[in-house]
Structures are given as structure tokens and as C-alpha cells.
Amino acid sequence: MHSRLVDRTPVVPADQLTAQMVPPAMFDEVSFASYIPDPNEPSQAVAVAKAEEFAQKVAKIRGGGRRGLFGKKAPATGAGLYLDGGFGVGKTHLLASIYHSSPSPKAFGTFVELTHVVGALGFNQAVEQLSNHSVLCIDEFELDDPGDTMLVSRLLAELSQRGVSIVATSNTLPGQLGEGRFAAQDFLREIKKLGSIFETLRVDGPDYRHRDLPPAPDPIPSDELHELADTVDGATLDSFDELCRHLGTLHPSRYKKLVEGVTAVYLDGVHAAPDQSVALRLVVLADRLYDESIPVTVSGAKLDEIFTPEMLAGGYKKKYLRATSRLLALSRFEVTAS
């Protein structure tokens, strides 16, 4: 029998927020060796080599240090690496490989997750909890919110001075390489204190999530959706409107806990998001579902119709395209009936 996400009200204690900053389960076993570069995209092989070299540098920095005044050992400044590229070219694979190769303690999270952690803990406590880490891995660094960008920029400057190395990735729209380079330069300019230590690498290639794949499945009738949900152990079935309202009652840092243990998500009556705030919450939910490889099946509108043309033409375009790419991938996952 299915349950409902709207009946869940997860709580994440503040002291567990940084502890849960680890790569998604799908990246538990990845390594530099398991990344297979596309022979038609030479930037990928270069990125693997540079990422592996960076991981070695992280270990050396955290294990070393320099002598300060009165012979007291002071931490070396952290190193920086920035991987810029399109959707689905393996940047997260490389980011997780750096994480796995670095000494503990260490942290991994998306830009959005990091802003949520800082918001929940407060700036000073976030700095204290992360300052003993060897590396902070930030997936999908974004420049669409000046306030968040400045907050994280200040955080990274503080952590770097304490010897924490920083590696970040960003998504660039496929085929718009100029925009990608501009985003990277914005990032470096925004973080003036860190700009001199960041090495920027471009990773090119097509989105692997959609290589040689058929179109996403069409929505199914509502009664069939209900029947399917009842055949899958651990599945949830929710009204799309009710779920959107429920998401508004939870801090986004709880969304990971919200979908914990869920085997499949069924959404009834999907339609375009009514406004930007709902759409942005759905982006975070899509990320958490993708992190846990949870299949998504819907009735109503198609998953690529959740974000309206007006939304896709606005400042959050990259967020919405990434979420759509991930939802379409999840819609193709096979669901095992009980």
C-alpha cells in the first residue's frame, strides 16, 4: 500500500546538517578510473587528469601547513578548482571522485544545499563546522541570486584561509560556450579573494542522460496511476497540488529526509507550476529525487511542461532545464512491483 509524501514532516537537527553533506548514493562507487572520457571530447580526459591532480593537492595541503609567528604552525591556504560545462557531461562524477579521494572530514553538496545549511546554522557556526574539512565540494554553483552568491563567496573566502580546498562545478547551456565562460569569469570575479587560486576547466560533451534514449514516457490515466502505486512497496502517491503546498511548509534542507526510503514517486494531476516560488521548490525536490535514483511516474501534464515558457526565459533558466533533464531521466527508471 502506498503512502504519501504530504504526510511526512521530517526534522533534521542542526548538528546533522553538515554530517549529511555527502555525495548522492548513485556516486558512492565512482572514481577517476571509472570515468570514461568520450574520445570525441578531449576536454574530458584533461578534466580527469586535472581532477586527480587536485585531489592529491588537497591531501598535501591538509597534511602540511606553514610556520607562522613564533614558530606556530598555521594552515596553508586551500586550493581551488572550477569545472565548467554543460548538463550531464560527468562533472558530478569527477566532483564525487575528488571527495572520495580526499581525507576526512570533508563535505559535498549542491550550491543550494550549502546556502540552506548556512541559513539553518548561521554564518559563524557554518564556518566553524566546515573549517576543519580538507575539501568542500560544491555541485552546480549558481549565479542567479546575488544575495546567495555573496553569502557563499564570503564563506568560501573564510574557509580557504583556514586551509579548506574548494572545488565547484557549474552547468552551462549546451552549445552556449560563451555564456559558460562568462559564468566562470563572473564566479571568479565575485570571489575576489579566491580568484587567484582557482583553476577553471571546461568539460564539453552531450548530456549522457539522454544519449540514445527514447522520449520520456507519456503521462498515464489517473486511475492507472493509483493502481500502479498500490503494487510497489515503499511507493508514495500524492496529488501534485497537495505536494506543492506541503513543500512550502518545509525548509528545503528537509527535502532529502522527506524522500528517504521511498522506492518510487507517483504524482497525480501534474500541471505547470503556478508561480516561481513553487517552481523553485520543485527544482530542489527534483534534485533530491535524482540523488536517490527514485523513479517518477505521473498523470496529467508531461514532466517537461512543469516549468512554463516564461520561467524558462527568466533568470532561473538553468535551474529549470537541469530539473527537467533530471525528471525526464527519472521517468525512464524501471519500477519493480511488489
Protein backbone atom coordinates (compact mmCIF):
# COMPACT_ATOMS: atom_id res chain seq x y z
CA MET A 1 0.00 0.00 0.00
CA HIS A 2 1.35 3.38 -0.94
CA SER A 3 1.98 6.24 1.49
CA ARG A 4 2.01 9.99 0.88
CA LEU A 5 4.85 12.49 0.97
CA VAL A 6 2.43 15.11 2.31
CA ASP A 7 2.03 13.05 5.48
CA ARG A 8 5.74 13.31 6.23
CA THR A 9 7.18 16.17 8.30
CA PRO A 10 10.88 15.36 8.63
CA VAL A 11 13.16 17.12 11.10
CA VAL A 12 16.93 17.41 10.65
CA PRO A 13 18.83 18.50 13.81
CA ALA A 14 21.27 21.37 13.18
CA ASP A 15 24.26 19.28 14.21
CA GLN A 16 23.45 16.76 11.46
CA LEU A 17 23.24 19.26 8.61
CA THR A 18 26.94 19.18 7.71
CA ALA A 19 27.19 15.46 8.50
CA GLN A 20 24.66 14.71 5.74
CA MET A 21 26.69 16.65 3.17
CA VAL A 22 27.89 13.61 1.21
CA PRO A 23 27.62 12.64 -2.47
CA PRO A 24 24.32 11.11 -3.63
CA ALA A 25 24.14 7.31 -3.32
CA MET A 26 24.48 6.88 -7.09
CA PHE A 27 28.03 8.27 -6.78
CA ASP A 28 29.12 6.04 -3.88
CA GLU A 29 31.35 3.85 -6.04
CA VAL A 30 32.63 6.31 -8.64
CA SER A 31 36.32 7.02 -9.12
CA PHE A 32 38.64 8.73 -11.55
CA ALA A 33 39.25 5.33 -13.16
CA SER A 34 35.52 4.71 -13.71
CA TYR A 35 35.06 7.97 -15.63
CA ILE A 36 35.25 7.00 -19.30
CA PRO A 37 36.18 10.08 -21.36
CA ASP A 38 34.48 10.50 -24.73
CA PRO A 39 37.26 10.20 -27.35
CA ASN A 40 35.46 12.89 -29.35
CA GLU A 41 35.67 15.32 -26.42
CA PRO A 42 39.37 15.79 -25.48
CA SER A 43 38.46 18.19 -22.65
CA GLN A 44 37.06 15.25 -20.69
CA ALA A 45 40.39 13.39 -20.48
CA VAL A 46 42.11 16.63 -19.45
CA ALA A 47 39.49 17.19 -16.75
CA VAL A 48 40.03 13.69 -15.29
CA ALA A 49 43.78 14.24 -15.04
CA LYS A 50 43.39 17.70 -13.51
CA ALA A 51 40.79 16.50 -11.01
CA GLU A 52 43.02 13.64 -9.87
CA GLU A 53 45.93 16.06 -9.53
CA PHE A 54 43.73 18.39 -7.47
CA ALA A 55 42.76 15.57 -5.07
CA GLN A 56 46.44 14.88 -4.45
CA LYS A 57 46.96 18.58 -3.75
CA VAL A 58 44.07 18.58 -1.24
CA ALA A 59 45.68 15.82 0.81
CA LYS A 60 49.04 17.56 0.73
CA ILE A 61 47.62 20.90 1.88
CA ARG A 62 45.64 19.44 4.75
CA GLY A 63 48.56 17.28 5.84
CA GLY A 64 51.09 20.09 5.61
CA GLY A 65 50.99 23.70 6.70
CA ARG A 66 53.38 26.57 7.23
CA ARG A 67 55.11 28.13 10.20
CA GLY A 68 53.65 31.39 11.39
CA LEU A 69 54.76 33.81 14.07
CA PHE A 70 56.70 32.28 16.99
CA GLY A 71 57.06 29.03 15.05
CA LYS A 72 53.39 28.19 15.42
CA LYS A 73 52.04 26.06 12.61
CA ALA A 74 49.40 27.84 10.51
CA PRO A 75 47.21 26.15 7.88
CA ALA A 76 48.11 26.57 4.24
CA THR A 77 45.60 28.35 2.03
CA GLY A 78 43.19 25.93 0.37
CA ALA A 79 43.41 25.15 -3.34
CA GLY A 80 40.60 25.83 -5.80
CA LEU A 81 39.23 24.12 -8.91
CA TYR A 82 36.23 25.11 -11.02
CA LEU A 83 34.69 22.67 -13.53
CA ASP A 84 32.53 24.46 -16.09
CA GLY A 85 30.41 22.60 -18.62
CA GLY A 86 27.03 21.53 -19.94
CA PHE A 87 24.44 19.22 -18.44
CA GLY A 88 25.31 15.55 -17.98
CA VAL A 89 28.99 15.57 -19.02
CA GLY A 90 30.24 13.90 -15.83
CA LYS A 91 31.25 16.89 -13.72
CA THR A 92 29.48 15.48 -10.66
CA HIS A 93 31.25 12.15 -11.23
CA LEU A 94 34.59 13.97 -11.07
CA LEU A 95 33.47 16.03 -8.07
CA ALA A 96 32.49 12.88 -6.16
CA SER A 97 35.78 11.24 -7.15
CA ILE A 98 37.67 14.17 -5.61
CA TYR A 99 35.56 13.80 -2.47
CA HIS A 100 36.25 10.07 -2.19
CA SER A 101 39.99 10.63 -2.70
CA SER A 102 40.29 13.36 -0.06
CA PRO A 103 40.98 12.86 3.66
CA SER A 104 38.16 13.20 6.21
CA PRO A 105 36.44 15.29 7.36
CA LYS A 106 35.09 16.57 4.05
CA ALA A 107 31.78 17.83 2.66
CA PHE A 108 29.83 17.55 -0.59
CA GLY A 109 26.65 19.40 -1.53
CA THR A 110 24.95 21.45 -4.18
CA PHE A 111 25.17 25.23 -4.07
CA VAL A 112 21.53 25.31 -2.99
CA GLU A 113 22.15 22.78 -0.20
CA LEU A 114 25.09 24.83 1.02
CA THR A 115 23.03 28.02 1.21
CA HIS A 116 20.36 26.10 3.12
CA VAL A 117 22.94 24.81 5.60
CA VAL A 118 24.37 28.29 6.16
CA GLY A 119 20.87 29.67 6.56
CA ALA A 120 19.92 26.99 9.10
CA LEU A 121 23.16 27.11 11.12
CA GLY A 122 24.06 30.77 10.82
CA PHE A 123 27.21 32.01 9.11
CA ASN A 124 29.64 31.73 12.04
CA GLN A 125 28.57 28.24 13.05
CA ALA A 126 28.75 27.05 9.44
CA VAL A 127 32.32 28.34 9.20
CA GLU A 128 33.28 26.59 12.44
CA GLN A 129 31.73 23.28 11.42
CA LEU A 130 33.40 23.26 8.00
CA SER A 131 36.77 24.84 8.81
CA ASN A 132 38.48 21.57 9.76
CA HIS A 133 37.48 19.90 6.47
CA SER A 134 40.05 19.01 3.84
CA VAL A 135 37.74 19.91 0.96
CA LEU A 136 34.32 21.39 0.25
CA CYS A 137 32.81 20.07 -2.99
CA ILE A 138 30.04 22.30 -4.39
CA ASP A 139 27.93 20.93 -7.22
CA GLU A 140 26.01 23.27 -9.56
CA PHE A 141 27.38 26.60 -8.40
CA GLU A 142 24.85 29.21 -9.47
CA LEU A 143 24.96 32.96 -10.09
CA ASP A 144 21.26 33.71 -10.35
CA ASP A 145 20.82 35.04 -6.81
CA PRO A 146 23.22 37.87 -5.86
CA GLY A 147 22.46 37.50 -2.15
CA ASP A 148 23.24 33.78 -2.06
CA THR A 149 26.31 34.26 -4.23
CA MET A 150 27.74 36.91 -1.91
CA LEU A 151 26.96 34.78 1.16
CA VAL A 152 28.72 31.72 -0.25
CA SER A 153 31.58 33.83 -1.60
CA ARG A 154 32.25 35.14 1.90
CA LEU A 155 32.00 31.62 3.31
CA LEU A 156 34.48 30.22 0.79
CA ALA A 157 36.93 33.05 1.44
CA GLU A 158 36.85 32.27 5.17
CA LEU A 159 37.24 28.54 4.65
CA SER A 160 40.05 28.88 2.12
CA GLN A 161 42.05 31.00 4.57
CA ARG A 162 41.65 28.17 7.09
CA GLY A 163 43.12 25.62 4.70
CA VAL A 164 39.94 24.18 3.22
CA SER A 165 40.24 23.45 -0.51
CA ILE A 166 37.23 24.28 -2.69
CA VAL A 167 36.10 22.54 -5.87
CA ALA A 168 32.95 23.64 -7.68
CA THR A 169 31.01 22.76 -10.81
CA SER A 170 28.58 24.80 -12.88
CA ASN A 171 26.04 23.99 -15.56
CA THR A 172 26.20 25.78 -18.89
CA LEU A 173 23.53 25.58 -21.54
CA PRO A 174 24.63 23.16 -24.29
CA GLY A 175 26.02 24.97 -27.30
CA GLN A 176 26.46 28.27 -25.47
CA LEU A 177 30.15 28.12 -24.67
CA GLY A 178 30.49 31.90 -24.50
CA GLU A 179 27.85 32.00 -21.78
CA GLY A 180 29.70 29.24 -19.95
CA ARG A 181 32.99 31.13 -19.95
CA PHE A 182 31.22 34.30 -18.88
CA ALA A 183 29.63 32.45 -15.93
CA ALA A 184 33.01 31.13 -14.85
CA GLN A 185 34.55 34.61 -15.00
CA ASP A 186 31.62 36.02 -13.02
CA PHE A 187 32.29 33.41 -10.38
CA LEU A 188 35.98 34.24 -10.17
CA ARG A 189 35.32 37.98 -10.13
CA GLU A 190 32.68 37.61 -7.45
CA ILE A 191 35.03 35.70 -5.18
CA LYS A 192 37.91 38.15 -5.45
CA LYS A 193 39.83 36.69 -2.53
CA LEU A 194 39.77 33.24 -4.13
CA GLY A 195 40.14 34.12 -7.79
CA SER A 196 43.91 33.80 -7.85
CA ILE A 197 43.86 30.19 -6.62
CA PHE A 198 41.04 28.86 -8.79
CA GLU A 199 41.87 26.93 -11.92
CA THR A 200 38.95 26.87 -14.36
CA LEU A 201 38.43 23.83 -16.59
CA ARG A 202 35.89 23.39 -19.38
CA VAL A 203 34.26 19.94 -19.75
CA ASP A 204 32.40 19.51 -23.04
CA GLY A 205 30.08 16.82 -24.36
CA PRO A 206 26.41 15.84 -24.83
CA ASP A 207 24.09 15.11 -21.88
CA TYR A 208 24.68 11.43 -21.09
CA ARG A 209 21.20 11.16 -19.52
CA HIS A 210 19.63 11.38 -22.96
CA ARG A 211 22.14 9.63 -25.21
CA ASP A 212 20.39 7.09 -27.43
CA LEU A 213 17.29 7.11 -25.23
CA PRO A 214 13.65 7.13 -26.34
CA PRO A 215 11.42 10.09 -25.45
CA ALA A 216 10.17 10.26 -21.89
CA PRO A 217 7.01 8.20 -21.22
CA ASP A 218 3.69 9.97 -21.63
CA PRO A 219 1.59 10.61 -18.51
CA ILE A 220 -0.82 7.80 -17.67
CA PRO A 221 -4.50 7.97 -16.65
CA SER A 222 -5.15 8.81 -13.00
CA ASP A 223 -6.88 5.51 -12.17
CA GLU A 224 -3.99 3.55 -13.66
CA LEU A 225 -1.53 5.65 -11.64
CA HIS A 226 -3.34 4.72 -8.42
CA GLU A 227 -3.35 1.04 -9.33
CA LEU A 228 0.37 1.06 -10.10
CA ALA A 229 1.26 2.83 -6.85
CA ASP A 230 -0.53 0.11 -4.87
CA THR A 231 1.67 -2.58 -6.43
CA VAL A 232 5.02 -1.08 -5.34
CA ASP A 233 6.37 -1.46 -1.80
CA GLY A 234 7.68 1.83 -0.44
CA ALA A 235 5.98 3.94 -3.13
CA THR A 236 4.29 7.28 -2.47
CA LEU A 237 1.26 8.69 -4.27
CA ASP A 238 0.41 12.37 -3.97
CA SER A 239 -1.80 14.95 -5.56
CA PHE A 240 0.54 17.35 -7.34
CA ASP A 241 -1.25 20.39 -5.86
CA GLU A 242 -1.18 18.99 -2.32
CA LEU A 243 2.51 18.16 -2.62
CA CYS A 244 3.33 21.66 -3.86
CA ARG A 245 1.54 23.14 -0.85
CA HIS A 246 3.33 20.74 1.53
CA LEU A 247 6.74 21.64 0.13
CA GLY A 248 6.01 25.24 1.06
CA THR A 249 5.73 24.23 4.74
CA LEU A 250 9.18 22.58 4.87
CA HIS A 251 12.63 24.16 4.81
CA PRO A 252 14.36 22.84 1.66
CA SER A 253 17.12 21.34 3.83
CA ARG A 254 14.49 18.77 4.87
CA TYR A 255 13.65 17.56 1.35
CA LYS A 256 16.39 14.93 1.46
CA LYS A 257 14.83 13.45 4.59
CA LEU A 258 11.38 13.78 3.00
CA VAL A 259 12.17 11.22 0.28
CA GLU A 260 14.35 8.96 2.42
CA GLY A 261 13.41 5.30 1.97
CA VAL A 262 10.95 6.00 -0.86
CA THR A 263 11.20 3.49 -3.72
CA ALA A 264 9.03 5.28 -6.30
CA VAL A 265 7.08 8.54 -6.53
CA TYR A 266 3.68 8.80 -8.23
CA LEU A 267 2.22 12.26 -8.85
CA ASP A 268 -1.41 12.73 -9.78
CA GLY A 269 -2.63 15.72 -11.78
CA VAL A 270 0.69 17.26 -12.74
CA HIS A 271 0.46 20.69 -14.38
CA ALA A 272 2.58 23.78 -14.87
CA ALA A 273 3.88 25.34 -11.65
CA PRO A 274 1.64 28.29 -10.72
CA ASP A 275 4.46 30.62 -9.74
CA GLN A 276 8.21 30.96 -9.30
CA SER A 277 8.33 30.02 -5.60
CA VAL A 278 6.57 26.70 -6.26
CA ALA A 279 8.78 26.06 -9.28
CA LEU A 280 11.98 26.59 -7.27
CA ARG A 281 10.79 24.19 -4.57
CA LEU A 282 10.12 21.60 -7.28
CA VAL A 283 13.68 22.10 -8.54
CA VAL A 284 15.05 21.18 -5.10
CA LEU A 285 12.71 18.18 -4.88
CA ALA A 286 13.80 17.02 -8.34
CA ASP A 287 17.44 17.20 -7.23
CA ARG A 288 16.76 15.12 -4.10
CA LEU A 289 14.78 12.52 -6.08
CA TYR A 290 17.59 12.31 -8.63
CA ASP A 291 20.21 11.98 -5.89
CA GLU A 292 18.37 8.91 -4.59
CA SER A 293 17.53 7.48 -8.07
CA ILE A 294 13.80 7.41 -7.26
CA PRO A 295 11.59 6.71 -10.31
CA VAL A 296 8.84 9.23 -11.03
CA THR A 297 5.53 8.40 -12.77
CA VAL A 298 2.79 10.96 -13.37
CA SER A 299 -0.70 11.63 -14.61
CA GLY A 300 -1.75 14.94 -16.09
CA ALA A 301 0.85 17.03 -17.91
CA LYS A 302 4.26 15.83 -19.08
CA LEU A 303 7.25 16.36 -16.83
CA ASP A 304 8.80 18.76 -19.33
CA GLU A 305 5.74 21.02 -19.02
CA ILE A 306 6.10 21.82 -15.30
CA PHE A 307 8.15 24.94 -15.99
CA THR A 308 6.41 27.45 -18.22
CA PRO A 309 8.00 29.17 -21.24
CA GLU A 310 8.04 32.40 -19.22
CA MET A 311 10.01 30.67 -16.46
CA LEU A 312 12.44 29.18 -18.96
CA ALA A 313 13.04 32.64 -20.39
CA GLY A 314 13.89 34.11 -17.00
CA GLY A 315 16.87 34.23 -14.68
CA TYR A 316 16.37 30.71 -13.30
CA LYS A 317 16.51 29.10 -16.73
CA LYS A 318 19.48 26.86 -15.91
CA LYS A 319 17.82 25.56 -12.74
CA TYR A 320 14.64 24.66 -14.60
CA LEU A 321 16.43 22.98 -17.51
CA ARG A 322 18.55 20.92 -15.12
CA ALA A 323 15.46 19.86 -13.15
CA THR A 324 13.63 18.93 -16.36
CA SER A 325 16.61 16.86 -17.54
CA ARG A 326 16.67 15.01 -14.22
CA LEU A 327 12.92 14.42 -14.04
CA LEU A 328 12.91 13.01 -17.56
CA ALA A 329 15.73 10.67 -16.61
CA LEU A 330 13.79 9.52 -13.52
CA SER A 331 10.67 8.94 -15.60
CA ARG A 332 12.57 6.30 -17.57
CA PHE A 333 13.72 4.36 -14.49
CA GLU A 334 12.18 0.93 -14.19
CA VAL A 335 9.84 0.42 -11.24
CA THR A 336 9.76 -3.02 -9.62
CA ALA A 337 6.34 -4.15 -8.43
CA SER A 338 6.00 -5.95 -5.11
